[in-house]
Amino acid sequence: MTTLLRWYLRLMAGLTLISGMGQLTLPARLGTASAWGVAPGWQREIAFWDLAMYIVIAGTLRTNDAVSGRVVATALVVLQLLVATNHAAAAIGGHGLLNAIMAAVNSACVVLGILALRPRATGQDLASRAA
């Protein structure tokens, strides 16, 4: 696994853990800053999802398997793109400050993930990949 891919997965593990802990411990504060409002049950489910994703990312980092790292990073890029779009729509429609901030954070994670997944980042050029 490349250094850049490991760095990206570590970043995503940290952000996922922060998100989950925030949803568990500060549901009212996060909900009032969001266009979606407070929904403790849904916020708990998001926290549970975040915890599960943290375990997957941490396990992938522990194995240091390049293929697994790329699969998990690809899934995270897709997830971050979908979440960024959802937050952006909420920020535009509902004027939620937290949604605008998270749309930017998730979008930045998409860009970083794409950079971490580039063929050049794996130390391979296109000619060696074709061989």
Protein backbone atom coordinates (compact mmCIF):
# COMPACT_ATOMS: atom_id res chain seq x y z
CA MET A 1 0.00 0.00 0.00
CA THR A 2 1.39 3.42 -0.91
CA THR A 3 2.19 6.06 1.66
CA LEU A 4 -0.45 8.38 0.20
CA LEU A 5 -3.13 5.69 0.33
CA ARG A 6 -2.24 4.86 3.95
CA TRP A 7 -2.37 8.59 4.80
CA TYR A 8 -5.81 8.90 3.18
CA LEU A 9 -7.15 5.86 5.03
CA ARG A 10 -5.79 7.18 8.34
CA LEU A 11 -7.46 10.54 7.68
CA MET A 12 -10.75 8.84 6.88
CA ALA A 13 -10.49 6.66 9.98
CA GLY A 14 -10.01 9.76 12.14
CA LEU A 15 -12.82 11.73 10.50
CA THR A 16 -15.15 8.74 10.69
CA LEU A 17 -14.42 8.30 14.39
CA ILE A 18 -14.96 12.03 15.06
CA SER A 19 -18.26 11.96 13.16
CA GLY A 20 -19.50 8.92 15.04
CA MET A 21 -18.55 10.30 18.44
CA GLY A 22 -20.17 13.64 17.58
CA GLN A 23 -23.42 11.99 16.53
CA LEU A 24 -23.47 9.92 19.73
CA THR A 25 -22.47 12.61 22.22
CA LEU A 26 -23.76 15.86 20.66
CA PRO A 27 -26.92 14.99 18.73
CA ALA A 28 -28.83 18.15 19.71
CA ARG A 29 -25.95 20.53 18.91
CA LEU A 30 -25.24 18.90 15.56
CA GLY A 31 -28.93 18.62 14.71
CA THR A 32 -29.68 22.27 15.35
CA ALA A 33 -26.76 23.31 13.10
CA SER A 34 -28.08 21.06 10.33
CA ALA A 35 -30.91 21.58 7.85
CA TRP A 36 -32.19 18.16 8.93
CA GLY A 37 -32.75 19.00 12.60
CA VAL A 38 -32.44 16.72 15.60
CA ALA A 39 -33.31 13.05 15.06
CA PRO A 40 -31.64 11.03 17.84
CA GLY A 41 -32.52 7.63 16.36
CA TRP A 42 -31.12 8.45 12.94
CA GLN A 43 -28.11 10.15 14.44
CA ARG A 44 -27.38 7.02 16.49
CA GLU A 45 -27.62 4.93 13.31
CA ILE A 46 -25.13 7.24 11.60
CA ALA A 47 -22.80 6.83 14.59
CA PHE A 48 -23.13 3.03 14.40
CA TRP A 49 -22.35 3.14 10.66
CA ASP A 50 -19.33 5.34 11.37
CA LEU A 51 -18.07 2.92 14.01
CA ALA A 52 -18.40 -0.02 11.61
CA MET A 53 -16.57 1.91 8.87
CA TYR A 54 -13.82 2.81 11.35
CA ILE A 55 -13.34 -0.90 12.09
CA VAL A 56 -13.14 -1.71 8.37
CA ILE A 57 -10.63 1.08 7.71
CA ALA A 58 -8.50 0.26 10.76
CA GLY A 59 -8.47 -3.43 9.84
CA THR A 60 -7.42 -2.59 6.30
CA LEU A 61 -4.62 -0.40 7.59
CA ARG A 62 -3.50 -3.16 9.93
CA THR A 63 -3.27 -5.76 7.14
CA ASN A 64 -1.40 -3.28 4.90
CA ASP A 65 -2.80 -5.11 1.86
CA ALA A 66 -2.67 -2.89 -1.24
CA VAL A 67 -5.69 -4.46 -2.94
CA SER A 68 -7.87 -4.17 0.16
CA GLY A 69 -6.66 -0.62 0.71
CA ARG A 70 -7.67 0.38 -2.82
CA VAL A 71 -11.08 -1.30 -2.50
CA VAL A 72 -11.84 0.41 0.81
CA ALA A 73 -10.55 3.77 -0.48
CA THR A 74 -12.70 3.44 -3.62
CA ALA A 75 -15.77 2.72 -1.50
CA LEU A 76 -14.94 5.72 0.71
CA VAL A 77 -14.56 8.02 -2.30
CA VAL A 78 -17.97 6.95 -3.63
CA LEU A 79 -19.54 7.31 -0.17
CA GLN A 80 -17.96 10.74 0.34
CA LEU A 81 -19.20 11.91 -3.08
CA LEU A 82 -22.76 10.84 -2.27
CA VAL A 83 -22.63 12.36 1.22
CA ALA A 84 -21.12 15.61 -0.12
CA THR A 85 -23.94 15.87 -2.65
CA ASN A 86 -26.53 15.23 0.05
CA HIS A 87 -25.02 17.85 2.35
CA ALA A 88 -24.76 20.38 -0.50
CA ALA A 89 -28.42 19.90 -1.38
CA ALA A 90 -29.39 20.38 2.27
CA ALA A 91 -27.19 23.48 2.59
CA ILE A 92 -28.74 25.04 -0.51
CA GLY A 93 -32.33 24.08 0.35
CA GLY A 94 -32.28 24.43 4.09
CA HIS A 95 -29.43 26.83 4.76
CA GLY A 96 -27.78 24.53 7.31
CA LEU A 97 -24.33 25.80 8.27
CA LEU A 98 -23.16 22.33 9.31
CA ASN A 99 -24.35 20.95 5.97
CA ALA A 100 -22.31 23.55 4.06
CA ILE A 101 -19.21 22.78 6.12
CA MET A 102 -19.64 19.03 5.70
CA ALA A 103 -20.25 19.38 1.95
CA ALA A 104 -16.85 21.06 1.71
CA VAL A 105 -15.13 18.51 3.98
CA ASN A 106 -16.63 15.54 2.13
CA SER A 107 -15.75 17.08 -1.25
CA ALA A 108 -12.15 17.57 -0.11
CA CYS A 109 -12.08 13.90 0.96
CA VAL A 110 -13.25 12.91 -2.54
CA VAL A 111 -10.39 14.84 -4.14
CA LEU A 112 -7.82 13.45 -1.71
CA GLY A 113 -9.12 9.92 -2.23
CA ILE A 114 -8.90 10.24 -6.01
CA LEU A 115 -5.33 11.47 -5.69
CA ALA A 116 -4.49 8.54 -3.40
CA LEU A 117 -5.96 6.10 -5.92
CA ARG A 118 -4.22 7.45 -9.04
CA PRO A 119 -2.12 4.86 -10.92
CA ARG A 120 0.95 7.06 -10.38
CA ALA A 121 0.34 6.86 -6.61
CA THR A 122 0.70 3.08 -6.79
CA GLY A 123 4.14 3.42 -8.34
CA GLN A 124 2.94 2.00 -11.68
CA ASP A 125 2.82 3.75 -15.01
CA LEU A 126 0.31 2.80 -17.70
CA ALA A 127 2.89 0.80 -19.68
CA SER A 128 3.72 -1.47 -16.75
CA ARG A 129 0.04 -1.93 -15.96
CA ALA A 130 -0.61 -3.13 -19.52
CA ALA A 131 2.22 -5.69 -19.37
